[in-house]
Amino acid sequence: MTTTLLLGGARSGKSSLAEQMAQASGQPVTVLVTATASDPEMAARIAHHQQQRPAHWQTVEACAHLADAIGQYCVAGQTVVVDCLTLWLSQTLFTADAQWAEAVTPVLPAAWQSARRHLLDTVAQVSGTLLLISNEVGLGVVPLGAGTRVFVDEAGRLHQALAGVCDNVVWVAAGLPLAMKGQIPAR
């Protein structure tokens, strides 16, 4: 069992690196995707990612029940790639009932707290090889809206918590990996 958190900016090479690591594992690979084709641009992004992956890899849409899907597919002898946690966070926080985000003092929904805990517990218990991809969004300008600031804060908190339970944490910039914790898995 090995868990690796891959962090970096948009288009930093995280997904490509995760795909190389998954291929090098020599195990069957399942990709748990969290994006939905909500507009033509996102549909094009999804299609691009699909074209990059080997056809024999299994792809599962898992945003609504990500932790359960990780638990189901990340078993001994299997490699699972989660692409990506930032989209999962966004969709989990900003559900149809996201009025909390516009409050003067936003209070996170209980459903988010539960989903976060379930994810962390599941990641800590997997028996397969798990590669988690997430965008580091806290390096730029502080967002104007309260809801967006909460999103950035929660992404940072989620990354810190995952870094605590993952064996490896890898920073990716310009396609180059840097081990922050543990080592860079074979690729």
N, C-alpha and C. Protein backbone atom coordinates (compact mmCIF):
# COMPACT_ATOMS: atom_id res chain seq x y z
N MET A 1 0.83 -1.17 0.00
CA MET A 1 0.00 0.00 0.00
C MET A 1 0.88 1.24 0.00
N THR A 2 0.58 2.16 -0.91
CA THR A 2 1.27 3.44 -0.95
C THR A 2 0.25 4.51 -1.31
N THR A 3 0.26 5.60 -0.57
CA THR A 3 -0.60 6.73 -0.90
C THR A 3 0.27 7.93 -1.22
N THR A 4 -0.05 8.58 -2.32
CA THR A 4 0.72 9.74 -2.78
C THR A 4 -0.23 10.87 -3.12
N LEU A 5 0.06 12.05 -2.55
CA LEU A 5 -0.67 13.27 -2.86
C LEU A 5 0.18 14.10 -3.80
N LEU A 6 -0.36 14.40 -4.99
CA LEU A 6 0.34 15.21 -5.98
C LEU A 6 -0.30 16.59 -6.02
N LEU A 7 0.46 17.61 -5.67
CA LEU A 7 -0.03 18.99 -5.62
C LEU A 7 0.72 19.85 -6.63
N GLY A 8 0.04 20.87 -7.12
CA GLY A 8 0.67 21.83 -8.02
C GLY A 8 -0.39 22.73 -8.60
N GLY A 9 0.04 23.66 -9.41
CA GLY A 9 -0.88 24.59 -10.06
C GLY A 9 -1.56 23.95 -11.25
N ALA A 10 -2.46 24.70 -11.84
CA ALA A 10 -3.14 24.24 -13.06
C ALA A 10 -2.11 24.04 -14.16
N ARG A 11 -2.25 22.96 -14.88
CA ARG A 11 -1.37 22.62 -16.01
C ARG A 11 0.10 22.47 -15.59
N SER A 12 0.32 22.02 -14.37
CA SER A 12 1.69 21.85 -13.87
C SER A 12 2.29 20.51 -14.24
N GLY A 13 1.46 19.55 -14.68
CA GLY A 13 1.94 18.23 -15.02
C GLY A 13 1.56 17.15 -14.02
N LYS A 14 0.67 17.48 -13.08
CA LYS A 14 0.27 16.52 -12.05
C LYS A 14 -0.36 15.27 -12.64
N SER A 15 -1.32 15.46 -13.54
CA SER A 15 -2.02 14.30 -14.12
C SER A 15 -1.08 13.43 -14.93
N SER A 16 -0.22 14.04 -15.72
CA SER A 16 0.75 13.27 -16.51
C SER A 16 1.67 12.47 -15.61
N LEU A 17 2.13 13.09 -14.54
CA LEU A 17 3.01 12.38 -13.60
C LEU A 17 2.27 11.23 -12.94
N ALA A 18 1.03 11.47 -12.51
CA ALA A 18 0.24 10.40 -11.89
C ALA A 18 0.03 9.24 -12.87
N GLU A 19 -0.22 9.57 -14.14
CA GLU A 19 -0.41 8.52 -15.14
C GLU A 19 0.87 7.72 -15.34
N GLN A 20 2.02 8.37 -15.33
CA GLN A 20 3.31 7.67 -15.44
C GLN A 20 3.51 6.74 -14.24
N MET A 21 3.20 7.24 -13.05
CA MET A 21 3.34 6.42 -11.84
C MET A 21 2.40 5.23 -11.87
N ALA A 22 1.17 5.46 -12.31
CA ALA A 22 0.19 4.37 -12.39
C ALA A 22 0.66 3.31 -13.38
N GLN A 23 1.15 3.75 -14.52
CA GLN A 23 1.66 2.82 -15.53
C GLN A 23 2.83 2.00 -14.98
N ALA A 24 3.74 2.69 -14.26
CA ALA A 24 4.92 2.02 -13.70
C ALA A 24 4.58 1.04 -12.59
N SER A 25 3.39 1.17 -12.00
CA SER A 25 3.01 0.25 -10.92
C SER A 25 2.87 -1.18 -11.43
N GLY A 26 2.57 -1.32 -12.72
CA GLY A 26 2.37 -2.65 -13.28
C GLY A 26 1.07 -3.31 -12.84
N GLN A 27 0.23 -2.56 -12.16
CA GLN A 27 -1.04 -3.08 -11.66
C GLN A 27 -2.20 -2.60 -12.52
N PRO A 28 -3.35 -3.26 -12.42
CA PRO A 28 -4.54 -2.72 -13.07
C PRO A 28 -4.83 -1.33 -12.49
N VAL A 29 -5.28 -0.41 -13.35
CA VAL A 29 -5.49 0.97 -12.94
C VAL A 29 -6.95 1.37 -13.11
N THR A 30 -7.46 2.02 -12.08
CA THR A 30 -8.78 2.64 -12.14
C THR A 30 -8.59 4.13 -11.90
N VAL A 31 -9.19 4.95 -12.74
CA VAL A 31 -9.14 6.40 -12.58
C VAL A 31 -10.51 6.85 -12.08
N LEU A 32 -10.51 7.46 -10.91
CA LEU A 32 -11.74 8.02 -10.34
C LEU A 32 -11.77 9.49 -10.69
N VAL A 33 -12.71 9.88 -11.52
CA VAL A 33 -12.77 11.25 -11.99
C VAL A 33 -13.87 12.00 -11.24
N THR A 34 -13.63 13.30 -11.06
CA THR A 34 -14.58 14.11 -10.30
C THR A 34 -15.18 15.24 -11.14
N ALA A 35 -14.72 15.40 -12.37
CA ALA A 35 -15.22 16.48 -13.22
C ALA A 35 -16.51 16.05 -13.91
N THR A 36 -17.34 17.03 -14.17
CA THR A 36 -18.53 16.81 -14.99
C THR A 36 -18.47 17.78 -16.17
N ALA A 37 -18.95 17.35 -17.29
CA ALA A 37 -18.90 18.16 -18.51
C ALA A 37 -20.02 19.21 -18.46
N SER A 38 -19.83 20.22 -17.64
CA SER A 38 -20.87 21.23 -17.43
C SER A 38 -20.93 22.28 -18.54
N ASP A 39 -19.89 22.34 -19.37
CA ASP A 39 -19.87 23.28 -20.50
C ASP A 39 -18.91 22.74 -21.55
N PRO A 40 -18.90 23.30 -22.75
CA PRO A 40 -18.04 22.78 -23.82
C PRO A 40 -16.54 22.79 -23.47
N GLU A 41 -16.10 23.81 -22.77
CA GLU A 41 -14.68 23.88 -22.41
C GLU A 41 -14.29 22.76 -21.46
N MET A 42 -15.14 22.47 -20.47
CA MET A 42 -14.86 21.39 -19.53
C MET A 42 -14.96 20.05 -20.25
N ALA A 43 -15.88 19.91 -21.17
CA ALA A 43 -15.99 18.68 -21.96
C ALA A 43 -14.71 18.44 -22.75
N ALA A 44 -14.13 19.50 -23.29
CA ALA A 44 -12.87 19.38 -24.04
C ALA A 44 -11.74 18.97 -23.11
N ARG A 45 -11.70 19.51 -21.91
CA ARG A 45 -10.66 19.13 -20.94
C ARG A 45 -10.77 17.65 -20.58
N ILE A 46 -12.00 17.22 -20.34
CA ILE A 46 -12.24 15.81 -20.00
C ILE A 46 -11.79 14.91 -21.14
N ALA A 47 -12.16 15.27 -22.36
CA ALA A 47 -11.77 14.48 -23.54
C ALA A 47 -10.26 14.41 -23.67
N HIS A 48 -9.57 15.51 -23.42
CA HIS A 48 -8.10 15.53 -23.49
C HIS A 48 -7.51 14.55 -22.48
N HIS A 49 -8.00 14.58 -21.24
CA HIS A 49 -7.50 13.65 -20.22
C HIS A 49 -7.77 12.20 -20.62
N GLN A 50 -8.95 11.94 -21.16
CA GLN A 50 -9.30 10.58 -21.56
C GLN A 50 -8.36 10.07 -22.65
N GLN A 51 -7.99 10.95 -23.59
CA GLN A 51 -7.10 10.56 -24.68
C GLN A 51 -5.69 10.26 -24.18
N GLN A 52 -5.30 10.85 -23.06
CA GLN A 52 -3.95 10.65 -22.52
C GLN A 52 -3.80 9.31 -21.82
N ARG A 53 -4.91 8.74 -21.36
CA ARG A 53 -4.86 7.50 -20.59
C ARG A 53 -4.95 6.28 -21.49
N PRO A 54 -4.28 5.19 -21.11
CA PRO A 54 -4.42 3.94 -21.86
C PRO A 54 -5.88 3.48 -21.88
N ALA A 55 -6.29 2.95 -23.00
CA ALA A 55 -7.68 2.55 -23.20
C ALA A 55 -8.12 1.44 -22.24
N HIS A 56 -7.17 0.62 -21.78
CA HIS A 56 -7.54 -0.50 -20.91
C HIS A 56 -7.72 -0.09 -19.45
N TRP A 57 -7.42 1.15 -19.11
CA TRP A 57 -7.67 1.61 -17.75
C TRP A 57 -9.16 1.83 -17.56
N GLN A 58 -9.65 1.47 -16.39
CA GLN A 58 -11.05 1.69 -16.07
C GLN A 58 -11.23 3.12 -15.58
N THR A 59 -12.27 3.79 -16.03
CA THR A 59 -12.59 5.14 -15.57
C THR A 59 -13.96 5.11 -14.91
N VAL A 60 -14.03 5.69 -13.71
CA VAL A 60 -15.27 5.70 -12.93
C VAL A 60 -15.56 7.14 -12.51
N GLU A 61 -16.77 7.62 -12.81
CA GLU A 61 -17.19 8.94 -12.33
C GLU A 61 -17.56 8.78 -10.87
N ALA A 62 -16.84 9.52 -10.01
CA ALA A 62 -16.97 9.24 -8.58
C ALA A 62 -17.14 10.48 -7.71
N CYS A 63 -17.54 11.57 -8.26
CA CYS A 63 -17.59 12.80 -7.46
C CYS A 63 -18.55 12.68 -6.28
N ALA A 64 -19.74 12.20 -6.51
CA ALA A 64 -20.75 12.17 -5.46
C ALA A 64 -20.36 11.27 -4.29
N HIS A 65 -19.62 10.20 -4.57
CA HIS A 65 -19.27 9.22 -3.53
C HIS A 65 -17.79 8.86 -3.64
N LEU A 66 -16.94 9.88 -3.60
CA LEU A 66 -15.52 9.65 -3.83
C LEU A 66 -14.90 8.71 -2.81
N ALA A 67 -15.12 8.93 -1.54
CA ALA A 67 -14.50 8.07 -0.52
C ALA A 67 -14.95 6.62 -0.68
N ASP A 68 -16.23 6.40 -0.96
CA ASP A 68 -16.71 5.03 -1.15
C ASP A 68 -16.04 4.39 -2.36
N ALA A 69 -15.87 5.15 -3.44
CA ALA A 69 -15.22 4.61 -4.63
C ALA A 69 -13.76 4.28 -4.36
N ILE A 70 -13.07 5.12 -3.61
CA ILE A 70 -11.68 4.82 -3.25
C ILE A 70 -11.63 3.52 -2.46
N GLY A 71 -12.52 3.39 -1.49
CA GLY A 71 -12.56 2.16 -0.69
C GLY A 71 -12.87 0.93 -1.52
N GLN A 72 -13.72 1.07 -2.52
CA GLN A 72 -14.10 -0.05 -3.37
C GLN A 72 -12.98 -0.47 -4.31
N TYR A 73 -12.31 0.49 -4.94
CA TYR A 73 -11.35 0.18 -5.99
C TYR A 73 -9.90 0.12 -5.53
N CYS A 74 -9.54 0.79 -4.46
CA CYS A 74 -8.14 0.84 -4.03
C CYS A 74 -7.85 -0.30 -3.06
N VAL A 75 -7.75 -1.48 -3.63
CA VAL A 75 -7.49 -2.69 -2.85
C VAL A 75 -6.14 -3.26 -3.26
N ALA A 76 -5.65 -4.22 -2.51
CA ALA A 76 -4.34 -4.80 -2.78
C ALA A 76 -4.24 -5.23 -4.25
N GLY A 77 -3.11 -4.91 -4.88
CA GLY A 77 -2.87 -5.28 -6.26
C GLY A 77 -3.48 -4.34 -7.28
N GLN A 78 -4.07 -3.25 -6.84
CA GLN A 78 -4.73 -2.29 -7.72
C GLN A 78 -4.13 -0.90 -7.51
N THR A 79 -4.11 -0.11 -8.58
CA THR A 79 -3.71 1.29 -8.49
C THR A 79 -4.92 2.15 -8.83
N VAL A 80 -5.13 3.18 -8.02
CA VAL A 80 -6.24 4.12 -8.23
C VAL A 80 -5.66 5.52 -8.34
N VAL A 81 -6.11 6.23 -9.37
CA VAL A 81 -5.77 7.64 -9.56
C VAL A 81 -7.05 8.44 -9.33
N VAL A 82 -6.99 9.45 -8.46
CA VAL A 82 -8.12 10.35 -8.24
C VAL A 82 -7.79 11.67 -8.90
N ASP A 83 -8.60 12.07 -9.88
CA ASP A 83 -8.35 13.30 -10.63
C ASP A 83 -9.64 14.10 -10.73
N CYS A 84 -9.87 15.12 -9.95
CA CYS A 84 -8.97 15.68 -8.98
C CYS A 84 -9.75 16.10 -7.73
N LEU A 85 -9.03 16.25 -6.65
CA LEU A 85 -9.65 16.59 -5.37
C LEU A 85 -10.22 18.01 -5.35
N THR A 86 -9.60 18.92 -6.07
CA THR A 86 -10.08 20.30 -6.07
C THR A 86 -11.49 20.39 -6.66
N LEU A 87 -11.73 19.66 -7.74
CA LEU A 87 -13.07 19.65 -8.32
C LEU A 87 -14.06 18.98 -7.38
N TRP A 88 -13.62 17.91 -6.73
CA TRP A 88 -14.48 17.24 -5.75
C TRP A 88 -14.85 18.21 -4.62
N LEU A 89 -13.86 18.93 -4.11
CA LEU A 89 -14.10 19.90 -3.05
C LEU A 89 -15.11 20.95 -3.50
N SER A 90 -14.90 21.48 -4.68
CA SER A 90 -15.79 22.51 -5.21
C SER A 90 -17.23 21.99 -5.32
N GLN A 91 -17.38 20.81 -5.88
CA GLN A 91 -18.72 20.26 -6.06
C GLN A 91 -19.36 19.85 -4.73
N THR A 92 -18.54 19.47 -3.77
CA THR A 92 -19.06 19.08 -2.46
C THR A 92 -19.47 20.31 -1.64
N LEU A 93 -18.65 21.35 -1.70
CA LEU A 93 -18.96 22.57 -0.96
C LEU A 93 -20.11 23.35 -1.58
N PHE A 94 -20.09 23.47 -2.89
CA PHE A 94 -21.04 24.34 -3.58
C PHE A 94 -22.13 23.53 -4.27
N THR A 95 -22.85 22.79 -3.47
CA THR A 95 -23.99 22.01 -3.97
C THR A 95 -25.12 22.97 -4.32
N ALA A 96 -26.24 22.43 -4.70
CA ALA A 96 -27.39 23.27 -5.07
C ALA A 96 -27.80 24.18 -3.91
N ASP A 97 -27.53 23.76 -2.69
CA ASP A 97 -27.89 24.56 -1.51
C ASP A 97 -26.62 25.20 -0.93
N ALA A 98 -26.03 26.12 -1.66
CA ALA A 98 -24.76 26.74 -1.24
C ALA A 98 -24.96 28.17 -0.77
N GLN A 99 -26.12 28.47 -0.22
CA GLN A 99 -26.37 29.82 0.27
C GLN A 99 -25.45 30.19 1.42
N TRP A 100 -24.91 29.19 2.12
CA TRP A 100 -23.98 29.44 3.22
C TRP A 100 -22.80 30.29 2.76
N ALA A 101 -22.41 30.12 1.49
CA ALA A 101 -21.21 30.79 0.98
C ALA A 101 -21.39 32.30 0.85
N GLU A 102 -22.63 32.76 0.82
CA GLU A 102 -22.89 34.19 0.67
C GLU A 102 -23.15 34.87 2.00
N ALA A 103 -23.14 34.13 3.09
CA ALA A 103 -23.38 34.72 4.40
C ALA A 103 -22.22 35.64 4.78
N VAL A 104 -22.50 36.61 5.64
CA VAL A 104 -21.46 37.53 6.10
C VAL A 104 -20.35 36.73 6.78
N THR A 105 -20.72 35.77 7.60
CA THR A 105 -19.76 34.86 8.23
C THR A 105 -20.14 33.45 7.80
N PRO A 106 -19.54 32.96 6.71
CA PRO A 106 -19.92 31.64 6.20
C PRO A 106 -19.67 30.52 7.21
N VAL A 107 -20.63 29.63 7.32
CA VAL A 107 -20.50 28.45 8.16
C VAL A 107 -20.56 27.25 7.23
N LEU A 108 -19.53 26.43 7.28
CA LEU A 108 -19.45 25.28 6.38
C LEU A 108 -20.59 24.30 6.64
N PRO A 109 -21.14 23.73 5.58
CA PRO A 109 -22.23 22.76 5.74
C PRO A 109 -21.73 21.49 6.42
N ALA A 110 -22.58 20.91 7.24
CA ALA A 110 -22.24 19.68 7.95
C ALA A 110 -21.91 18.56 6.96
N ALA A 111 -22.57 18.57 5.80
CA ALA A 111 -22.30 17.53 4.80
C ALA A 111 -20.84 17.57 4.35
N TRP A 112 -20.26 18.77 4.24
CA TRP A 112 -18.85 18.88 3.87
C TRP A 112 -17.96 18.28 4.95
N GLN A 113 -18.23 18.60 6.19
CA GLN A 113 -17.42 18.07 7.29
C GLN A 113 -17.45 16.54 7.29
N SER A 114 -18.62 15.99 7.06
CA SER A 114 -18.77 14.54 7.02
C SER A 114 -18.03 13.93 5.83
N ALA A 115 -18.17 14.53 4.65
CA ALA A 115 -17.50 14.02 3.45
C ALA A 115 -15.98 14.08 3.61
N ARG A 116 -15.49 15.17 4.19
CA ARG A 116 -14.04 15.34 4.41
C ARG A 116 -13.52 14.25 5.36
N ARG A 117 -14.21 14.03 6.45
CA ARG A 117 -13.79 13.02 7.43
C ARG A 117 -13.82 11.63 6.79
N HIS A 118 -14.85 11.34 6.03
CA HIS A 118 -14.98 10.04 5.37
C HIS A 118 -13.82 9.83 4.39
N LEU A 119 -13.47 10.87 3.64
CA LEU A 119 -12.34 10.77 2.70
C LEU A 119 -11.05 10.51 3.45
N LEU A 120 -10.76 11.28 4.48
CA LEU A 120 -9.51 11.10 5.24
C LEU A 120 -9.42 9.72 5.86
N ASP A 121 -10.52 9.24 6.44
CA ASP A 121 -10.54 7.90 7.04
C ASP A 121 -10.29 6.83 5.99
N THR A 122 -10.91 6.98 4.82
CA THR A 122 -10.76 6.00 3.75
C THR A 122 -9.33 5.98 3.22
N VAL A 123 -8.76 7.15 2.96
CA VAL A 123 -7.39 7.23 2.45
C VAL A 123 -6.42 6.57 3.43
N ALA A 124 -6.64 6.76 4.71
CA ALA A 124 -5.75 6.19 5.73
C ALA A 124 -5.83 4.66 5.78
N GLN A 125 -6.88 4.07 5.21
CA GLN A 125 -7.10 2.63 5.34
C GLN A 125 -6.97 1.84 4.04
N VAL A 126 -6.63 2.48 2.92
CA VAL A 126 -6.59 1.74 1.66
C VAL A 126 -5.47 0.70 1.69
N SER A 127 -5.66 -0.35 0.89
CA SER A 127 -4.64 -1.40 0.82
C SER A 127 -3.99 -1.48 -0.55
N GLY A 128 -4.38 -0.60 -1.47
CA GLY A 128 -3.78 -0.56 -2.80
C GLY A 128 -2.87 0.64 -2.94
N THR A 129 -2.54 0.96 -4.18
CA THR A 129 -1.72 2.13 -4.50
C THR A 129 -2.66 3.26 -4.87
N LEU A 130 -2.56 4.39 -4.18
CA LEU A 130 -3.48 5.50 -4.38
C LEU A 130 -2.69 6.75 -4.75
N LEU A 131 -3.09 7.37 -5.86
CA LEU A 131 -2.49 8.61 -6.34
C LEU A 131 -3.58 9.67 -6.36
N LEU A 132 -3.44 10.67 -5.49
CA LEU A 132 -4.43 11.74 -5.36
C LEU A 132 -3.89 13.01 -6.01
N ILE A 133 -4.64 13.58 -6.93
CA ILE A 133 -4.23 14.79 -7.63
C ILE A 133 -5.07 15.95 -7.11
N SER A 134 -4.40 17.09 -6.82
CA SER A 134 -5.14 18.26 -6.37
C SER A 134 -4.40 19.53 -6.75
N ASN A 135 -5.17 20.58 -7.04
CA ASN A 135 -4.60 21.88 -7.37
C ASN A 135 -4.31 22.67 -6.10
N GLU A 136 -3.11 23.21 -6.02
CA GLU A 136 -2.81 24.13 -4.93
C GLU A 136 -3.30 25.50 -5.36
N VAL A 137 -4.33 25.98 -4.69
CA VAL A 137 -4.96 27.24 -5.09
C VAL A 137 -4.65 28.38 -4.12
N GLY A 138 -3.87 28.12 -3.10
CA GLY A 138 -3.63 29.13 -2.08
C GLY A 138 -2.37 29.95 -2.28
N LEU A 139 -1.79 29.96 -3.45
CA LEU A 139 -0.55 30.68 -3.68
C LEU A 139 -0.75 32.06 -4.30
N GLY A 140 -1.97 32.38 -4.67
CA GLY A 140 -2.21 33.63 -5.40
C GLY A 140 -2.85 34.69 -4.54
N VAL A 141 -3.50 35.59 -5.20
CA VAL A 141 -4.18 36.70 -4.57
C VAL A 141 -5.34 36.18 -3.72
N VAL A 142 -5.58 36.81 -2.58
CA VAL A 142 -6.72 36.43 -1.74
C VAL A 142 -8.00 36.77 -2.49
N PRO A 143 -8.90 35.79 -2.67
CA PRO A 143 -10.13 36.04 -3.43
C PRO A 143 -11.02 37.08 -2.76
N LEU A 144 -11.84 37.74 -3.58
CA LEU A 144 -12.73 38.80 -3.07
C LEU A 144 -13.93 38.25 -2.31
N GLY A 145 -14.57 37.22 -2.83
CA GLY A 145 -15.82 36.72 -2.23
C GLY A 145 -15.58 35.82 -1.04
N ALA A 146 -16.47 35.91 -0.04
CA ALA A 146 -16.34 35.08 1.16
C ALA A 146 -16.37 33.60 0.83
N GLY A 147 -17.28 33.19 -0.06
CA GLY A 147 -17.37 31.78 -0.42
C GLY A 147 -16.11 31.28 -1.09
N THR A 148 -15.52 32.09 -1.94
CA THR A 148 -14.28 31.70 -2.61
C THR A 148 -13.12 31.62 -1.63
N ARG A 149 -13.09 32.54 -0.67
CA ARG A 149 -12.05 32.48 0.36
C ARG A 149 -12.19 31.20 1.18
N VAL A 150 -13.42 30.81 1.49
CA VAL A 150 -13.65 29.57 2.23
C VAL A 150 -13.16 28.38 1.40
N PHE A 151 -13.43 28.40 0.10
CA PHE A 151 -12.96 27.32 -0.77
C PHE A 151 -11.43 27.20 -0.71
N VAL A 152 -10.72 28.31 -0.85
CA VAL A 152 -9.26 28.30 -0.80
C VAL A 152 -8.78 27.79 0.57
N ASP A 153 -9.41 28.27 1.64
CA ASP A 153 -9.04 27.83 2.98
C ASP A 153 -9.26 26.33 3.15
N GLU A 154 -10.41 25.84 2.69
CA GLU A 154 -10.72 24.41 2.85
C GLU A 154 -9.81 23.54 1.99
N ALA A 155 -9.44 24.02 0.81
CA ALA A 155 -8.48 23.28 -0.01
C ALA A 155 -7.16 23.15 0.74
N GLY A 156 -6.69 24.23 1.32
CA GLY A 156 -5.45 24.18 2.09
C GLY A 156 -5.55 23.25 3.28
N ARG A 157 -6.65 23.32 4.00
CA ARG A 157 -6.84 22.43 5.16
C ARG A 157 -6.92 20.97 4.73
N LEU A 158 -7.62 20.71 3.61
CA LEU A 158 -7.71 19.34 3.10
C LEU A 158 -6.34 18.82 2.71
N HIS A 159 -5.55 19.63 2.02
CA HIS A 159 -4.21 19.22 1.63
C HIS A 159 -3.34 18.92 2.85
N GLN A 160 -3.42 19.76 3.87
CA GLN A 160 -2.64 19.51 5.08
C GLN A 160 -3.04 18.20 5.74
N ALA A 161 -4.34 17.96 5.83
CA ALA A 161 -4.82 16.72 6.45
C ALA A 161 -4.42 15.50 5.63
N LEU A 162 -4.54 15.59 4.32
CA LEU A 162 -4.13 14.47 3.46
C LEU A 162 -2.62 14.24 3.54
N ALA A 163 -1.85 15.32 3.59
CA ALA A 163 -0.40 15.17 3.72
C ALA A 163 -0.04 14.42 4.99
N GLY A 164 -0.87 14.57 6.01
CA GLY A 164 -0.63 13.86 7.26
C GLY A 164 -0.87 12.37 7.17
N VAL A 165 -1.77 11.93 6.29
CA VAL A 165 -2.09 10.50 6.19
C VAL A 165 -1.45 9.83 4.97
N CYS A 166 -0.92 10.60 4.03
CA CYS A 166 -0.30 10.01 2.84
C CYS A 166 1.17 9.68 3.10
N ASP A 167 1.65 8.63 2.43
CA ASP A 167 3.06 8.25 2.54
C ASP A 167 3.96 9.25 1.85
N ASN A 168 3.51 9.73 0.69
CA ASN A 168 4.31 10.64 -0.13
C ASN A 168 3.49 11.86 -0.47
N VAL A 169 4.16 13.02 -0.51
CA VAL A 169 3.56 14.25 -1.01
C VAL A 169 4.53 14.80 -2.02
N VAL A 170 4.05 15.03 -3.24
CA VAL A 170 4.90 15.47 -4.34
C VAL A 170 4.36 16.80 -4.88
N TRP A 171 5.24 17.79 -4.97
CA TRP A 171 4.91 19.08 -5.57
C TRP A 171 5.31 18.98 -7.04
N VAL A 172 4.45 19.44 -7.94
CA VAL A 172 4.73 19.40 -9.36
C VAL A 172 4.64 20.81 -9.93
N ALA A 173 5.70 21.23 -10.61
CA ALA A 173 5.71 22.52 -11.30
C ALA A 173 6.47 22.34 -12.60
N ALA A 174 5.94 22.86 -13.69
CA ALA A 174 6.56 22.75 -15.02
C ALA A 174 6.88 21.30 -15.38
N GLY A 175 6.03 20.39 -14.91
CA GLY A 175 6.22 18.98 -15.20
C GLY A 175 7.30 18.29 -14.38
N LEU A 176 7.89 19.01 -13.45
CA LEU A 176 8.98 18.47 -12.64
C LEU A 176 8.50 18.19 -11.22
N PRO A 177 8.72 16.96 -10.73
CA PRO A 177 8.27 16.61 -9.39
C PRO A 177 9.34 16.93 -8.34
N LEU A 178 8.88 17.32 -7.17
CA LEU A 178 9.74 17.56 -6.02
C LEU A 178 9.10 16.87 -4.83
N ALA A 179 9.83 15.93 -4.22
CA ALA A 179 9.30 15.22 -3.05
C ALA A 179 9.26 16.17 -1.86
N MET A 180 8.09 16.32 -1.28
CA MET A 180 7.92 17.14 -0.07
C MET A 180 7.87 16.25 1.16
N LYS A 181 7.40 15.03 0.99
CA LYS A 181 7.32 14.04 2.05
C LYS A 181 7.52 12.68 1.40
N GLY A 182 8.29 11.82 2.00
CA GLY A 182 8.53 10.50 1.43
C GLY A 182 9.37 10.60 0.18
N GLN A 183 8.93 9.89 -0.84
CA GLN A 183 9.70 9.88 -2.09
C GLN A 183 8.78 10.00 -3.29
N ILE A 184 9.37 10.19 -4.44
CA ILE A 184 8.61 10.23 -5.68
C ILE A 184 8.51 8.78 -6.17
N PRO A 185 7.30 8.22 -6.22
CA PRO A 185 7.15 6.85 -6.70
C PRO A 185 7.72 6.68 -8.12
N ALA A 186 8.06 5.46 -8.45
CA ALA A 186 8.63 5.14 -9.77
C ALA A 186 7.69 5.63 -10.87
N ARG A 187 8.33 6.08 -11.96
CA ARG A 187 7.53 6.54 -13.11
C ARG A 187 8.18 6.14 -14.39
